[in-house]
Amino acid sequence: MDRILEFMFFFVHSRRALTALFFGIVFFIGINIVGDTLVSRINGSGVMAVFFERVAEILGHRYDRLAWIALFSFLFLAVKLSISDKKRFLGTF
């Protein structure tokens, strides 16, 4: 339990880690909004309507996956930066 509290203490006091987490959340929301906007503009009529619906569904899943990848990569970066700041603050290498 002490290790978790120590990690949270250094995570909260690490400006670089908080910035990385902030950018992860911003990119996650931004990619979802842009993806939904672009996918909603795909429409078709007639015989090709089914094809366009399927393409829009596939693109929607890809944007969703891209947003999650961005969020987790920034989260991983935030943890990595927090650990390096902890080592720098404590002076242990």
N, C-alpha and C. Protein backbone atom coordinates (compact mmCIF):
# COMPACT_ATOMS: atom_id res chain seq x y z
N MET A 1 0.82 -1.19 0.00
CA MET A 1 0.00 0.00 0.00
C MET A 1 0.87 1.26 0.00
N ASP A 2 2.01 1.20 0.68
CA ASP A 2 2.89 2.35 0.71
C ASP A 2 3.47 2.66 -0.66
N ARG A 3 3.73 1.61 -1.44
CA ARG A 3 4.27 1.82 -2.79
C ARG A 3 3.26 2.53 -3.68
N ILE A 4 2.00 2.17 -3.55
CA ILE A 4 0.96 2.82 -4.34
C ILE A 4 0.83 4.29 -3.96
N LEU A 5 0.83 4.57 -2.67
CA LEU A 5 0.74 5.95 -2.22
C LEU A 5 1.97 6.76 -2.65
N GLU A 6 3.14 6.13 -2.59
CA GLU A 6 4.36 6.81 -3.02
C GLU A 6 4.31 7.11 -4.51
N PHE A 7 3.83 6.13 -5.31
CA PHE A 7 3.71 6.35 -6.75
C PHE A 7 2.72 7.47 -7.04
N MET A 8 1.58 7.47 -6.36
CA MET A 8 0.58 8.51 -6.58
C MET A 8 1.12 9.89 -6.18
N PHE A 9 1.90 9.95 -5.10
CA PHE A 9 2.49 11.21 -4.67
C PHE A 9 3.40 11.77 -5.76
N PHE A 10 4.28 10.94 -6.31
CA PHE A 10 5.20 11.42 -7.34
C PHE A 10 4.48 11.65 -8.66
N PHE A 11 3.40 10.91 -8.92
CA PHE A 11 2.63 11.11 -10.15
C PHE A 11 1.94 12.47 -10.12
N VAL A 12 1.36 12.81 -8.99
CA VAL A 12 0.64 14.08 -8.88
C VAL A 12 1.60 15.27 -8.91
N HIS A 13 2.81 15.11 -8.39
CA HIS A 13 3.76 16.20 -8.35
C HIS A 13 4.66 16.26 -9.58
N SER A 14 4.47 15.37 -10.52
CA SER A 14 5.26 15.38 -11.74
C SER A 14 4.51 16.15 -12.83
N ARG A 15 5.03 17.31 -13.18
CA ARG A 15 4.36 18.15 -14.18
C ARG A 15 4.38 17.48 -15.55
N ARG A 16 5.46 16.82 -15.88
CA ARG A 16 5.54 16.16 -17.19
C ARG A 16 4.54 15.02 -17.31
N ALA A 17 4.36 14.25 -16.23
CA ALA A 17 3.41 13.14 -16.25
C ALA A 17 1.98 13.65 -16.36
N LEU A 18 1.66 14.70 -15.65
CA LEU A 18 0.31 15.26 -15.73
C LEU A 18 0.05 15.86 -17.11
N THR A 19 1.07 16.46 -17.72
CA THR A 19 0.91 16.99 -19.07
C THR A 19 0.66 15.87 -20.06
N ALA A 20 1.39 14.77 -19.93
CA ALA A 20 1.19 13.63 -20.82
C ALA A 20 -0.22 13.04 -20.65
N LEU A 21 -0.68 12.94 -19.42
CA LEU A 21 -2.03 12.44 -19.17
C LEU A 21 -3.07 13.39 -19.74
N PHE A 22 -2.86 14.69 -19.60
CA PHE A 22 -3.78 15.68 -20.16
C PHE A 22 -3.86 15.54 -21.68
N PHE A 23 -2.70 15.43 -22.35
CA PHE A 23 -2.69 15.28 -23.79
C PHE A 23 -3.36 13.97 -24.22
N GLY A 24 -3.19 12.92 -23.44
CA GLY A 24 -3.86 11.66 -23.76
C GLY A 24 -5.37 11.80 -23.75
N ILE A 25 -5.90 12.49 -22.75
CA ILE A 25 -7.34 12.68 -22.67
C ILE A 25 -7.83 13.59 -23.80
N VAL A 26 -7.07 14.66 -24.09
CA VAL A 26 -7.46 15.57 -25.17
C VAL A 26 -7.45 14.87 -26.52
N PHE A 27 -6.42 14.09 -26.79
CA PHE A 27 -6.36 13.37 -28.06
C PHE A 27 -7.44 12.30 -28.15
N PHE A 28 -7.74 11.64 -27.04
CA PHE A 28 -8.81 10.63 -27.04
C PHE A 28 -10.14 11.26 -27.42
N ILE A 29 -10.47 12.36 -26.78
CA ILE A 29 -11.75 13.03 -27.07
C ILE A 29 -11.73 13.61 -28.48
N GLY A 30 -10.63 14.23 -28.86
CA GLY A 30 -10.53 14.84 -30.19
C GLY A 30 -10.64 13.83 -31.32
N ILE A 31 -9.95 12.72 -31.20
CA ILE A 31 -10.01 11.70 -32.25
C ILE A 31 -11.41 11.12 -32.35
N ASN A 32 -12.08 10.91 -31.21
CA ASN A 32 -13.46 10.39 -31.26
C ASN A 32 -14.40 11.38 -31.92
N ILE A 33 -14.27 12.66 -31.62
CA ILE A 33 -15.15 13.67 -32.21
C ILE A 33 -14.90 13.80 -33.71
N VAL A 34 -13.62 13.89 -34.10
CA VAL A 34 -13.29 14.01 -35.53
C VAL A 34 -13.72 12.76 -36.29
N GLY A 35 -13.48 11.60 -35.72
CA GLY A 35 -13.88 10.35 -36.37
C GLY A 35 -15.39 10.25 -36.56
N ASP A 36 -16.14 10.58 -35.52
CA ASP A 36 -17.59 10.54 -35.65
C ASP A 36 -18.10 11.53 -36.68
N THR A 37 -17.48 12.71 -36.72
CA THR A 37 -17.89 13.72 -37.70
C THR A 37 -17.61 13.25 -39.12
N LEU A 38 -16.42 12.71 -39.34
CA LEU A 38 -16.08 12.26 -40.69
C LEU A 38 -16.90 11.05 -41.13
N VAL A 39 -17.16 10.15 -40.21
CA VAL A 39 -17.93 8.95 -40.55
C VAL A 39 -19.40 9.31 -40.80
N SER A 40 -19.92 10.28 -40.09
CA SER A 40 -21.32 10.65 -40.29
C SER A 40 -21.57 11.29 -41.65
N ARG A 41 -20.52 11.79 -42.29
CA ARG A 41 -20.67 12.40 -43.62
C ARG A 41 -20.66 11.39 -44.75
N ILE A 42 -20.39 10.14 -44.46
CA ILE A 42 -20.38 9.10 -45.49
C ILE A 42 -21.82 8.61 -45.67
N ASN A 43 -22.34 8.84 -46.85
CA ASN A 43 -23.68 8.34 -47.15
C ASN A 43 -23.76 7.97 -48.62
N GLY A 44 -24.69 7.14 -48.92
CA GLY A 44 -24.88 6.69 -50.28
C GLY A 44 -26.34 6.39 -50.52
N SER A 45 -26.66 6.18 -51.77
CA SER A 45 -28.06 5.86 -52.10
C SER A 45 -28.09 4.74 -53.12
N GLY A 46 -29.20 4.10 -53.17
CA GLY A 46 -29.37 3.02 -54.14
C GLY A 46 -28.71 1.74 -53.69
N VAL A 47 -28.13 1.06 -54.66
CA VAL A 47 -27.52 -0.24 -54.42
C VAL A 47 -26.28 -0.12 -53.53
N MET A 48 -25.55 0.97 -53.65
CA MET A 48 -24.29 1.14 -52.92
C MET A 48 -24.49 1.60 -51.48
N ALA A 49 -25.72 1.82 -51.04
CA ALA A 49 -25.96 2.31 -49.68
C ALA A 49 -25.47 1.31 -48.63
N VAL A 50 -25.67 0.03 -48.89
CA VAL A 50 -25.22 -1.00 -47.95
C VAL A 50 -23.71 -1.00 -47.86
N PHE A 51 -23.05 -0.84 -49.00
CA PHE A 51 -21.59 -0.79 -49.02
C PHE A 51 -21.08 0.41 -48.21
N PHE A 52 -21.68 1.57 -48.41
CA PHE A 52 -21.25 2.77 -47.69
C PHE A 52 -21.50 2.65 -46.19
N GLU A 53 -22.59 2.00 -45.80
CA GLU A 53 -22.84 1.78 -44.37
C GLU A 53 -21.76 0.91 -43.75
N ARG A 54 -21.38 -0.13 -44.47
CA ARG A 54 -20.35 -1.04 -43.97
C ARG A 54 -18.99 -0.32 -43.87
N VAL A 55 -18.66 0.48 -44.87
CA VAL A 55 -17.40 1.24 -44.86
C VAL A 55 -17.40 2.22 -43.69
N ALA A 56 -18.52 2.89 -43.47
CA ALA A 56 -18.61 3.84 -42.35
C ALA A 56 -18.45 3.11 -41.02
N GLU A 57 -19.01 1.92 -40.89
CA GLU A 57 -18.86 1.15 -39.65
C GLU A 57 -17.41 0.75 -39.43
N ILE A 58 -16.73 0.31 -40.47
CA ILE A 58 -15.33 -0.10 -40.36
C ILE A 58 -14.46 1.10 -39.99
N LEU A 59 -14.70 2.25 -40.64
CA LEU A 59 -13.91 3.44 -40.33
C LEU A 59 -14.18 3.93 -38.91
N GLY A 60 -15.41 3.80 -38.45
CA GLY A 60 -15.74 4.17 -37.08
C GLY A 60 -14.97 3.34 -36.07
N HIS A 61 -14.87 2.04 -36.32
CA HIS A 61 -14.10 1.16 -35.43
C HIS A 61 -12.61 1.51 -35.45
N ARG A 62 -12.11 1.88 -36.62
CA ARG A 62 -10.69 2.24 -36.71
C ARG A 62 -10.39 3.53 -35.96
N TYR A 63 -11.27 4.52 -36.08
CA TYR A 63 -11.07 5.75 -35.31
C TYR A 63 -11.16 5.47 -33.82
N ASP A 64 -12.07 4.61 -33.43
CA ASP A 64 -12.20 4.26 -32.01
C ASP A 64 -10.93 3.57 -31.51
N ARG A 65 -10.42 2.65 -32.28
CA ARG A 65 -9.19 1.95 -31.90
C ARG A 65 -8.01 2.92 -31.83
N LEU A 66 -7.93 3.84 -32.77
CA LEU A 66 -6.86 4.84 -32.77
C LEU A 66 -6.93 5.72 -31.52
N ALA A 67 -8.14 6.09 -31.12
CA ALA A 67 -8.30 6.92 -29.93
C ALA A 67 -7.84 6.17 -28.68
N TRP A 68 -8.20 4.90 -28.56
CA TRP A 68 -7.77 4.11 -27.40
C TRP A 68 -6.26 3.92 -27.39
N ILE A 69 -5.66 3.70 -28.55
CA ILE A 69 -4.21 3.55 -28.63
C ILE A 69 -3.52 4.83 -28.18
N ALA A 70 -4.04 5.98 -28.62
CA ALA A 70 -3.45 7.26 -28.20
C ALA A 70 -3.57 7.44 -26.69
N LEU A 71 -4.72 7.11 -26.13
CA LEU A 71 -4.92 7.27 -24.68
C LEU A 71 -3.96 6.39 -23.89
N PHE A 72 -3.86 5.11 -24.26
CA PHE A 72 -2.99 4.20 -23.51
C PHE A 72 -1.51 4.51 -23.71
N SER A 73 -1.13 4.99 -24.90
CA SER A 73 0.27 5.32 -25.10
C SER A 73 0.66 6.55 -24.27
N PHE A 74 -0.22 7.53 -24.19
CA PHE A 74 0.07 8.69 -23.33
C PHE A 74 0.04 8.29 -21.86
N LEU A 75 -0.83 7.37 -21.49
CA LEU A 75 -0.85 6.89 -20.10
C LEU A 75 0.45 6.16 -19.77
N PHE A 76 0.94 5.34 -20.68
CA PHE A 76 2.22 4.65 -20.49
C PHE A 76 3.35 5.66 -20.38
N LEU A 77 3.32 6.70 -21.22
CA LEU A 77 4.33 7.75 -21.14
C LEU A 77 4.27 8.48 -19.81
N ALA A 78 3.07 8.74 -19.30
CA ALA A 78 2.92 9.43 -18.02
C ALA A 78 3.50 8.59 -16.89
N VAL A 79 3.25 7.29 -16.90
CA VAL A 79 3.81 6.42 -15.86
C VAL A 79 5.33 6.38 -15.96
N LYS A 80 5.84 6.29 -17.17
CA LYS A 80 7.28 6.26 -17.37
C LYS A 80 7.93 7.56 -16.89
N LEU A 81 7.32 8.70 -17.20
CA LEU A 81 7.86 9.98 -16.75
C LEU A 81 7.76 10.13 -15.24
N SER A 82 6.70 9.61 -14.66
CA SER A 82 6.55 9.69 -13.20
C SER A 82 7.62 8.87 -12.50
N ILE A 83 7.93 7.71 -13.03
CA ILE A 83 8.98 6.87 -12.44
C ILE A 83 10.35 7.53 -12.58
N SER A 84 10.60 8.15 -13.75
CA SER A 84 11.89 8.82 -13.91
C SER A 84 12.00 10.05 -13.01
N ASP A 85 10.89 10.77 -12.80
CA ASP A 85 10.92 11.90 -11.88
C ASP A 85 11.12 11.44 -10.44
N LYS A 86 10.55 10.29 -10.10
CA LYS A 86 10.74 9.74 -8.76
C LYS A 86 12.22 9.42 -8.53
N LYS A 87 12.85 8.81 -9.53
CA LYS A 87 14.28 8.51 -9.41
C LYS A 87 15.10 9.78 -9.31
N ARG A 88 14.72 10.80 -10.06
CA ARG A 88 15.45 12.06 -10.02
C ARG A 88 15.28 12.76 -8.66
N PHE A 89 14.07 12.73 -8.11
CA PHE A 89 13.83 13.40 -6.84
C PHE A 89 14.52 12.68 -5.69
N LEU A 90 14.50 11.36 -5.72
CA LEU A 90 15.09 10.60 -4.61
C LEU A 90 16.60 10.42 -4.78
N GLY A 91 17.11 10.61 -5.99
CA GLY A 91 18.53 10.51 -6.21
C GLY A 91 19.01 9.07 -6.39
N THR A 92 18.11 8.11 -6.59
CA THR A 92 18.52 6.73 -6.83
C THR A 92 18.47 6.45 -8.31
N PHE A 93 19.42 5.72 -8.78
CA PHE A 93 19.48 5.41 -10.21
C PHE A 93 19.24 3.97 -10.45
